[in-house]
Amino acid sequence: MSLWLVRAGSHGQQEDRCLENGFVTIGWTDLPDLSKFKSREELKSAYAKQYPAEKEGAIINRVGQIWNFSHEIKPGDLVSLPLKSAPFIAFGEVKETYKFDNRFGNDIRHVLPVKWMNKEVPRKAFDQSTLYSFGAFMTVCRIQRNNAEEKVRAILGGKPAKDESIETDEGATPNLLDLARAQISGHIASHFKGTLLKSLLRRSFRRKDTKPTEQSLARIEVRIS
């Protein structure tokens, strides 16, 4: 079995539908049913025709991700979905092979059915080396270094992950902005609780000359904690 990273939009715009309907997805909705391509070369040719302005290096990189999603991820594999809307990572087990499915909106076409095992694993449950892999700057990436799959299965089973030296997966450049957001959220969550957190948020809003409502403060508190 393998562990994969699959994102749900650059701003997490497909996250809710993935979690609610049991699947992971990728973009590139201009491409047809990916199961019809029998080789990477066939897919690359179709991609180049659809996106003629892209350079050769970008095409190779993106075709590799699309091929992995549609042909390499298998039933029984684990997928991780780092959430943009909350400091969590969702984990699921792939239940079926790739599907072309247009039922979930114009921005979703390519789908892998998933049984979610845990939708709210805190990022702080993982050591820094594993977080670097989950912070990969790619839509689809196989995570192999630092015994990541073993750590994930341990955490899903209620055991802590061991910290190790940082080693990212080949080709998976960490998204430093996402990593920074996760670290800041984790620091705030561990040092500010309840009324102290709301006081911090009110001071932050006051600097922007904005008065937050109790409802907006509650939503932010849920996302951070």
C-alpha atoms as a PDB file:
ATOM      1  CA  MET A   1       0.000   0.000   0.000  1.00  0.00           C
ATOM      2  CA  SER A   2       1.064   3.620  -0.557  1.00  0.00           C
ATOM      3  CA  LEU A   3       0.390   7.008   1.025  1.00  0.00           C
ATOM      4  CA  TRP A   4      -0.532   9.877  -1.279  1.00  0.00           C
ATOM      5  CA  LEU A   5      -1.045  13.611  -0.912  1.00  0.00           C
ATOM      6  CA  VAL A   6      -4.011  14.928  -2.918  1.00  0.00           C
ATOM      7  CA  ARG A   7      -5.054  18.566  -2.608  1.00  0.00           C
ATOM      8  CA  ALA A   8      -8.547  19.972  -3.194  1.00  0.00           C
ATOM      9  CA  GLY A   9      -7.979  23.262  -4.997  1.00  0.00           C
ATOM     10  CA  SER A  10      -5.350  25.949  -4.512  1.00  0.00           C
ATOM     11  CA  HIS A  11      -7.629  27.630  -1.969  1.00  0.00           C
ATOM     12  CA  GLY A  12      -9.395  24.494  -0.736  1.00  0.00           C
ATOM     13  CA  GLN A  13     -12.466  25.246  -2.836  1.00  0.00           C
ATOM     14  CA  GLN A  14     -13.362  21.550  -3.277  1.00  0.00           C
ATOM     15  CA  GLU A  15     -12.638  20.469   0.315  1.00  0.00           C
ATOM     16  CA  ASP A  16     -16.201  20.423   1.637  1.00  0.00           C
ATOM     17  CA  ARG A  17     -17.516  18.408  -1.299  1.00  0.00           C
ATOM     18  CA  CYS A  18     -14.672  15.917  -0.979  1.00  0.00           C
ATOM     19  CA  LEU A  19     -15.314  15.391   2.726  1.00  0.00           C
ATOM     20  CA  GLU A  20     -19.097  15.277   2.419  1.00  0.00           C
ATOM     21  CA  ASN A  21     -19.277  12.950  -0.584  1.00  0.00           C
ATOM     22  CA  GLY A  22     -16.327  10.629   0.002  1.00  0.00           C
ATOM     23  CA  PHE A  23     -13.773  11.363  -2.699  1.00  0.00           C
ATOM     24  CA  VAL A  24     -10.611  13.218  -3.591  1.00  0.00           C
ATOM     25  CA  THR A  25     -10.268  15.214  -6.791  1.00  0.00           C
ATOM     26  CA  ILE A  26      -7.872  17.228  -8.918  1.00  0.00           C
ATOM     27  CA  GLY A  27      -8.340  20.139 -11.304  1.00  0.00           C
ATOM     28  CA  TRP A  28      -7.604  20.064 -15.043  1.00  0.00           C
ATOM     29  CA  THR A  29     -11.323  19.821 -15.791  1.00  0.00           C
ATOM     30  CA  ASP A  30     -10.703  20.643 -19.460  1.00  0.00           C
ATOM     31  CA  LEU A  31      -9.228  17.158 -19.887  1.00  0.00           C
ATOM     32  CA  PRO A  32     -11.584  14.290 -20.821  1.00  0.00           C
ATOM     33  CA  ASP A  33     -12.026  10.968 -19.029  1.00  0.00           C
ATOM     34  CA  LEU A  34      -8.458  10.108 -17.981  1.00  0.00           C
ATOM     35  CA  SER A  35      -9.065   6.357 -17.960  1.00  0.00           C
ATOM     36  CA  LYS A  36      -9.045   6.322 -21.761  1.00  0.00           C
ATOM     37  CA  PHE A  37      -5.321   7.142 -21.855  1.00  0.00           C
ATOM     38  CA  LYS A  38      -3.259   3.955 -21.927  1.00  0.00           C
ATOM     39  CA  SER A  39       0.155   5.576 -21.504  1.00  0.00           C
ATOM     40  CA  ARG A  40       1.750   8.744 -20.170  1.00  0.00           C
ATOM     41  CA  GLU A  41       2.678   9.680 -23.722  1.00  0.00           C
ATOM     42  CA  GLU A  42      -0.964   9.599 -24.814  1.00  0.00           C
ATOM     43  CA  LEU A  43      -1.920  11.750 -21.844  1.00  0.00           C
ATOM     44  CA  LYS A  44       0.995  14.125 -22.477  1.00  0.00           C
ATOM     45  CA  SER A  45      -0.048  14.580 -26.105  1.00  0.00           C
ATOM     46  CA  ALA A  46      -3.644  15.376 -25.103  1.00  0.00           C
ATOM     47  CA  TYR A  47      -2.458  17.732 -22.343  1.00  0.00           C
ATOM     48  CA  ALA A  48      -0.148  19.629 -24.688  1.00  0.00           C
ATOM     49  CA  LYS A  49      -2.990  20.144 -27.157  1.00  0.00           C
ATOM     50  CA  GLN A  50      -5.326  21.382 -24.433  1.00  0.00           C
ATOM     51  CA  TYR A  51      -2.734  23.682 -22.820  1.00  0.00           C
ATOM     52  CA  PRO A  52      -0.482  24.794 -25.724  1.00  0.00           C
ATOM     53  CA  ALA A  53       0.999  27.766 -23.835  1.00  0.00           C
ATOM     54  CA  GLU A  54       2.648  25.635 -21.145  1.00  0.00           C
ATOM     55  CA  LYS A  55       6.354  24.843 -21.295  1.00  0.00           C
ATOM     56  CA  GLU A  56       7.755  21.343 -21.657  1.00  0.00           C
ATOM     57  CA  GLY A  57       8.975  21.110 -18.059  1.00  0.00           C
ATOM     58  CA  ALA A  58       5.593  22.158 -16.647  1.00  0.00           C
ATOM     59  CA  ILE A  59       3.804  19.701 -18.923  1.00  0.00           C
ATOM     60  CA  ILE A  60       5.981  16.792 -17.768  1.00  0.00           C
ATOM     61  CA  ASN A  61       5.427  17.701 -14.109  1.00  0.00           C
ATOM     62  CA  ARG A  62       1.659  18.071 -14.382  1.00  0.00           C
ATOM     63  CA  VAL A  63       1.150  15.037 -16.590  1.00  0.00           C
ATOM     64  CA  GLY A  64       3.044  13.004 -13.991  1.00  0.00           C
ATOM     65  CA  GLN A  65       0.667  14.175 -11.253  1.00  0.00           C
ATOM     66  CA  ILE A  66      -2.433  13.532 -13.369  1.00  0.00           C
ATOM     67  CA  TRP A  67      -1.181  10.071 -14.366  1.00  0.00           C
ATOM     68  CA  ASN A  68      -0.496   9.177 -10.742  1.00  0.00           C
ATOM     69  CA  PHE A  69      -3.998  10.242  -9.744  1.00  0.00           C
ATOM     70  CA  SER A  70      -5.774   8.378 -12.528  1.00  0.00           C
ATOM     71  CA  HIS A  71      -3.573   5.281 -12.928  1.00  0.00           C
ATOM     72  CA  GLU A  72      -1.182   4.774 -10.010  1.00  0.00           C
ATOM     73  CA  ILE A  73      -3.314   5.336  -6.905  1.00  0.00           C
ATOM     74  CA  LYS A  74      -4.980   2.017  -6.122  1.00  0.00           C
ATOM     75  CA  PRO A  75      -7.827   0.800  -3.887  1.00  0.00           C
ATOM     76  CA  GLY A  76      -6.408   0.239  -0.405  1.00  0.00           C
ATOM     77  CA  ASP A  77      -3.923   3.116  -0.649  1.00  0.00           C
ATOM     78  CA  LEU A  78      -4.091   5.923   1.907  1.00  0.00           C
ATOM     79  CA  VAL A  79      -4.723   9.504   0.811  1.00  0.00           C
ATOM     80  CA  SER A  80      -4.068  12.657   2.814  1.00  0.00           C
ATOM     81  CA  LEU A  81      -5.951  15.886   2.245  1.00  0.00           C
ATOM     82  CA  PRO A  82      -4.344  18.854   4.071  1.00  0.00           C
ATOM     83  CA  LEU A  83      -7.198  21.269   4.716  1.00  0.00           C
ATOM     84  CA  LYS A  84      -6.994  24.973   3.935  1.00  0.00           C
ATOM     85  CA  SER A  85     -10.091  25.773   6.009  1.00  0.00           C
ATOM     86  CA  ALA A  86      -8.821  24.344   9.312  1.00  0.00           C
ATOM     87  CA  PRO A  87      -5.535  23.167  10.924  1.00  0.00           C
ATOM     88  CA  PHE A  88      -6.321  19.534  10.144  1.00  0.00           C
ATOM     89  CA  ILE A  89      -5.343  16.818   7.686  1.00  0.00           C
ATOM     90  CA  ALA A  90      -8.050  14.403   6.518  1.00  0.00           C
ATOM     91  CA  PHE A  91      -7.069  10.792   5.860  1.00  0.00           C
ATOM     92  CA  GLY A  92      -8.961   8.187   3.910  1.00  0.00           C
ATOM     93  CA  GLU A  93      -8.630   4.834   2.194  1.00  0.00           C
ATOM     94  CA  VAL A  94      -9.157   4.636  -1.557  1.00  0.00           C
ATOM     95  CA  LYS A  95     -12.142   2.372  -2.244  1.00  0.00           C
ATOM     96  CA  GLU A  96     -12.359   2.347  -6.051  1.00  0.00           C
ATOM     97  CA  THR A  97     -10.311   3.219  -9.107  1.00  0.00           C
ATOM     98  CA  TYR A  98     -10.473   6.577 -10.888  1.00  0.00           C
ATOM     99  CA  LYS A  99     -13.871   7.844 -12.107  1.00  0.00           C
ATOM    100  CA  PHE A 100     -14.873  10.622 -14.491  1.00  0.00           C
ATOM    101  CA  ASP A 101     -17.778  12.229 -12.626  1.00  0.00           C
ATOM    102  CA  ASN A 102     -19.479  15.566 -13.300  1.00  0.00           C
ATOM    103  CA  ARG A 103     -22.151  15.454 -10.573  1.00  0.00           C
ATOM    104  CA  PHE A 104     -20.384  17.673  -8.045  1.00  0.00           C
ATOM    105  CA  GLY A 105     -19.969  20.976  -9.874  1.00  0.00           C
ATOM    106  CA  ASN A 106     -18.254  22.491 -12.876  1.00  0.00           C
ATOM    107  CA  ASP A 107     -14.878  22.477 -11.127  1.00  0.00           C
ATOM    108  CA  ILE A 108     -14.900  18.730 -10.432  1.00  0.00           C
ATOM    109  CA  ARG A 109     -14.523  16.050 -13.089  1.00  0.00           C
ATOM    110  CA  HIS A 110     -11.787  13.669 -11.962  1.00  0.00           C
ATOM    111  CA  VAL A 111     -12.602  11.664  -8.829  1.00  0.00           C
ATOM    112  CA  LEU A 112     -11.228   8.873  -6.639  1.00  0.00           C
ATOM    113  CA  PRO A 113     -13.817   7.402  -4.215  1.00  0.00           C
ATOM    114  CA  VAL A 114     -12.520   7.393  -0.641  1.00  0.00           C
ATOM    115  CA  LYS A 115     -13.703   6.143   2.751  1.00  0.00           C
ATOM    116  CA  TRP A 116     -12.647   8.828   5.212  1.00  0.00           C
ATOM    117  CA  MET A 117     -10.966   7.344   8.284  1.00  0.00           C
ATOM    118  CA  ASN A 118     -10.436  10.634  10.119  1.00  0.00           C
ATOM    119  CA  LYS A 119     -11.271  14.078   8.746  1.00  0.00           C
ATOM    120  CA  GLU A 120      -9.719  16.079  11.584  1.00  0.00           C
ATOM    121  CA  VAL A 121      -6.224  14.865  12.449  1.00  0.00           C
ATOM    122  CA  PRO A 122      -4.451  17.925  13.930  1.00  0.00           C
ATOM    123  CA  ARG A 123      -1.306  18.965  12.085  1.00  0.00           C
ATOM    124  CA  LYS A 124       0.431  19.199  15.456  1.00  0.00           C
ATOM    125  CA  ALA A 125       0.036  15.404  15.811  1.00  0.00           C
ATOM    126  CA  PHE A 126       2.894  14.983  13.319  1.00  0.00           C
ATOM    127  CA  ASP A 127       6.606  15.622  13.654  1.00  0.00           C
ATOM    128  CA  GLN A 128       8.177  18.344  11.540  1.00  0.00           C
ATOM    129  CA  SER A 129       9.691  15.970   8.974  1.00  0.00           C
ATOM    130  CA  THR A 130       6.289  14.505   8.097  1.00  0.00           C
ATOM    131  CA  LEU A 131       4.675  17.954   7.974  1.00  0.00           C
ATOM    132  CA  TYR A 132       7.218  18.974   5.342  1.00  0.00           C
ATOM    133  CA  SER A 133       5.987  16.118   3.142  1.00  0.00           C
ATOM    134  CA  PHE A 134       2.340  17.107   3.676  1.00  0.00           C
ATOM    135  CA  GLY A 135       3.339  20.655   2.744  1.00  0.00           C
ATOM    136  CA  ALA A 136       4.499  19.611  -0.730  1.00  0.00           C
ATOM    137  CA  PHE A 137       3.878  22.242  -3.376  1.00  0.00           C
ATOM    138  CA  MET A 138       2.080  19.753  -5.643  1.00  0.00           C
ATOM    139  CA  THR A 139      -1.527  18.676  -6.220  1.00  0.00           C
ATOM    140  CA  VAL A 140      -0.678  14.966  -6.217  1.00  0.00           C
ATOM    141  CA  CYS A 141       2.402  13.463  -4.598  1.00  0.00           C
ATOM    142  CA  ARG A 142       3.368  10.038  -3.290  1.00  0.00           C
ATOM    143  CA  ILE A 143       4.765  10.383   0.239  1.00  0.00           C
ATOM    144  CA  GLN A 144       7.472   7.828   0.956  1.00  0.00           C
ATOM    145  CA  ARG A 145      10.255   9.404   3.024  1.00  0.00           C
ATOM    146  CA  ASN A 146      10.598   9.434   6.810  1.00  0.00           C
ATOM    147  CA  ASN A 147       8.353   6.349   7.262  1.00  0.00           C
ATOM    148  CA  ALA A 148       5.381   8.620   6.637  1.00  0.00           C
ATOM    149  CA  GLU A 149       2.827   5.862   5.989  1.00  0.00           C
ATOM    150  CA  GLU A 150       3.850   4.040   9.171  1.00  0.00           C
ATOM    151  CA  LYS A 151       3.499   7.273  11.154  1.00  0.00           C
ATOM    152  CA  VAL A 152       0.073   8.017   9.689  1.00  0.00           C
ATOM    153  CA  ARG A 153      -1.241   4.545  10.444  1.00  0.00           C
ATOM    154  CA  ALA A 154       0.150   4.825  13.991  1.00  0.00           C
ATOM    155  CA  ILE A 155      -1.569   8.170  14.558  1.00  0.00           C
ATOM    156  CA  LEU A 156      -4.834   6.898  13.076  1.00  0.00           C
ATOM    157  CA  GLY A 157      -4.511   4.070  15.585  1.00  0.00           C
ATOM    158  CA  GLY A 158      -4.006   6.513  18.468  1.00  0.00           C
ATOM    159  CA  LYS A 159      -0.207   6.370  18.781  1.00  0.00           C
ATOM    160  CA  PRO A 160       2.228   9.322  18.577  1.00  0.00           C
ATOM    161  CA  ALA A 161       4.593   9.827  15.636  1.00  0.00           C
ATOM    162  CA  LYS A 162       8.352   9.765  16.189  1.00  0.00           C
ATOM    163  CA  ASP A 163      10.384  12.823  15.243  1.00  0.00           C
ATOM    164  CA  GLU A 164      13.137  12.248  12.687  1.00  0.00           C
ATOM    165  CA  SER A 165      15.433  14.256  10.426  1.00  0.00           C
ATOM    166  CA  ILE A 166      13.664  16.299   7.775  1.00  0.00           C
ATOM    167  CA  GLU A 167      13.752  14.716   4.325  1.00  0.00           C
ATOM    168  CA  THR A 168      11.170  15.688   1.725  1.00  0.00           C
ATOM    169  CA  ASP A 169       9.943  13.450  -1.073  1.00  0.00           C
ATOM    170  CA  GLU A 170      11.648  13.786  -4.424  1.00  0.00           C
ATOM    171  CA  GLY A 171      10.137  16.582  -6.479  1.00  0.00           C
ATOM    172  CA  ALA A 172       7.909  17.681  -3.604  1.00  0.00           C
ATOM    173  CA  THR A 173       9.045  21.223  -2.819  1.00  0.00           C
ATOM    174  CA  PRO A 174       7.464  22.322   0.475  1.00  0.00           C
ATOM    175  CA  ASN A 175       4.831  25.053   0.276  1.00  0.00           C
ATOM    176  CA  LEU A 176       6.382  27.394   2.821  1.00  0.00           C
ATOM    177  CA  LEU A 177       3.262  29.577   3.043  1.00  0.00           C
ATOM    178  CA  ASP A 178       1.108  26.607   4.062  1.00  0.00           C
ATOM    179  CA  LEU A 179       3.754  25.426   6.522  1.00  0.00           C
ATOM    180  CA  ALA A 180       3.976  28.887   8.064  1.00  0.00           C
ATOM    181  CA  ARG A 181       0.188  29.111   8.409  1.00  0.00           C
ATOM    182  CA  ALA A 182       0.086  25.694  10.070  1.00  0.00           C
ATOM    183  CA  GLN A 183       2.861  26.608  12.511  1.00  0.00           C
ATOM    184  CA  ILE A 184       1.265  29.944  13.406  1.00  0.00           C
ATOM    185  CA  SER A 185      -2.141  28.310  13.931  1.00  0.00           C
ATOM    186  CA  GLY A 186      -0.541  25.614  16.073  1.00  0.00           C
ATOM    187  CA  HIS A 187       1.299  28.180  18.200  1.00  0.00           C
ATOM    188  CA  ILE A 188      -1.842  30.257  18.744  1.00  0.00           C
ATOM    189  CA  ALA A 189      -3.914  27.167  19.545  1.00  0.00           C
ATOM    190  CA  SER A 190      -1.399  25.969  22.146  1.00  0.00           C
ATOM    191  CA  HIS A 191      -0.914  29.347  23.866  1.00  0.00           C
ATOM    192  CA  PHE A 192      -4.316  31.034  23.671  1.00  0.00           C
ATOM    193  CA  LYS A 193      -7.622  29.511  24.768  1.00  0.00           C
ATOM    194  CA  GLY A 194     -11.172  30.714  25.383  1.00  0.00           C
ATOM    195  CA  THR A 195     -11.461  34.351  26.437  1.00  0.00           C
ATOM    196  CA  LEU A 196      -7.714  34.881  25.981  1.00  0.00           C
ATOM    197  CA  LEU A 197      -7.984  33.820  22.325  1.00  0.00           C
ATOM    198  CA  LYS A 198     -11.003  36.070  21.753  1.00  0.00           C
ATOM    199  CA  SER A 199      -9.126  38.969  23.336  1.00  0.00           C
ATOM    200  CA  LEU A 200      -6.208  38.375  20.960  1.00  0.00           C
ATOM    201  CA  LEU A 201      -8.560  38.271  17.964  1.00  0.00           C
ATOM    202  CA  ARG A 202     -10.342  41.458  19.040  1.00  0.00           C
ATOM    203  CA  ARG A 203      -7.002  43.286  19.300  1.00  0.00           C
ATOM    204  CA  SER A 204      -6.065  42.032  15.848  1.00  0.00           C
ATOM    205  CA  PHE A 205      -9.348  43.261  14.358  1.00  0.00           C
ATOM    206  CA  ARG A 206      -8.990  46.593  16.136  1.00  0.00           C
ATOM    207  CA  ARG A 207      -5.747  47.220  14.266  1.00  0.00           C
ATOM    208  CA  LYS A 208      -7.713  46.837  11.038  1.00  0.00           C
ATOM    209  CA  ASP A 209     -10.431  49.240  12.232  1.00  0.00           C
ATOM    210  CA  THR A 210     -12.953  46.383  12.070  1.00  0.00           C
ATOM    211  CA  LYS A 211     -15.298  45.297  14.837  1.00  0.00           C
ATOM    212  CA  PRO A 212     -15.848  41.503  14.745  1.00  0.00           C
ATOM    213  CA  THR A 213     -19.131  39.879  15.726  1.00  0.00           C
ATOM    214  CA  GLU A 214     -19.280  37.066  18.271  1.00  0.00           C
ATOM    215  CA  GLN A 215     -20.236  34.730  15.418  1.00  0.00           C
ATOM    216  CA  SER A 216     -17.174  35.646  13.358  1.00  0.00           C
ATOM    217  CA  LEU A 217     -14.924  35.229  16.412  1.00  0.00           C
ATOM    218  CA  ALA A 218     -16.395  31.781  17.043  1.00  0.00           C
ATOM    219  CA  ARG A 219     -15.758  30.703  13.456  1.00  0.00           C
ATOM    220  CA  ILE A 220     -12.128  31.816  13.628  1.00  0.00           C
ATOM    221  CA  GLU A 221     -11.687  30.132  17.010  1.00  0.00           C
ATOM    222  CA  VAL A 222     -12.918  26.814  15.584  1.00  0.00           C
ATOM    223  CA  ARG A 223     -10.520  27.066  12.637  1.00  0.00           C
ATOM    224  CA  ILE A 224      -7.514  27.766  14.877  1.00  0.00           C
ATOM    225  CA  SER A 225      -8.193  25.370  17.733  1.00  0.00           C
END
